[in-house]
Structures are given as C-alpha cells and as structure tokens.
Amino acid sequence: MATIWLVLIGGLSLYSYQRDRHKPPVAAAEKLTEAPAKAYTLELTPGFATAADPFALKGDASAKATLLVRVADREIYQSDRSLPAGVAKSVTPVPGLVLGHNEIYVRAVPPQGETRDHALRVRLFQGGRVIVDQTLWGEKGAVVAGSVPFELTAAGEASHEQR
C-alpha cells in the first residue's frame, strides 16, 4: 500500500515540476497610447425610460444606477436618475480610450414590470464623424447590457468588429 502512495505522490510531484519548468516566458506589458479624451463624444439613446434596478444590492452604488458606462474597467458615467425614452445623453470627454482595441460597456435598466424588448443605441463620435454605431438589446424587460468592441487607429478611424 505504501508503494502505491509513493508512486502516486512521486508522479504528481514530478508532473508539477515538469509543468512549471516548461511554462512560456512572461510577455512584456504592451505599451498603450491613450487617445485624447476631449476628441471623442459618446452618445447614448435609450428606447425606453430608464429606472432604478429593483434587484440591486444595498450599498453598491453602481448597481443602483439607471445608466452605467465603463471604458477599460473605468467608470466614466453613472446616472441615478431616470432618463426619458428617445432622448440622447452625451458624455464628453471619454477617458480611457487607447489606440488599438477598445470596449465600451453599457448597462441600462428598464422600468420594472416591462415585458417588451428594449434597445439602447450607442454611438461614438470624433468631432462630427461617427466612429461607432451599435444598438444593444434586452429581451422581455431584461436589463440592457453589453460591450461594444472597436479599434482606434492613429488617424482616428475605427473599425467596428463583432467578437
């Protein structure tokens, strides 16, 4: 019995040693060039009146928001007040954008008891030019939430891609 345990433990330690020895080298951190925040405007247009989330945890301020926007894990906008349907909300500047891959996370809460599908239009402008234009949907009264991925180049042009 002791021989079986010795073989099992020895085999496991040999496996752990070999696995750690052949790990790939740690990649150098990629240097990101931040895009000028004032050059961009984010426009959000809910197709519904936003409301407070009745299921939000107490003490979590961002969960109580009727509309929340994040760029690169940084919260750039939060509204605790209801926003009317069809009225665009502009956010300027848009900090956290970098040259290369970006994602804008948006979450909007429809009124409780709604059973219709809801839309939230997300547009990013540079000057007067539309860089990104995407509509996020929430089905049957669910919270409308999602990420909008896109690429910014040095020329300021964006390629919008679905992942």
Foldseek 3Di string as FASTA:
>chain_A
DVVVVCVVVVVVVVVVVVVVVPDDDDDDDDDWAWDPQQQKKKKKAKQAWFAFDPPFDPPDVQNRFQKWKDKPNHTQDTHNDIDHHGDIDMGPRDGRHTAFKIKMKMKHAHDPPAQAKIKMWIWMDRVNHTQDTDIFIDHGRDITIDMFMWHQHPVRHIDGDDD
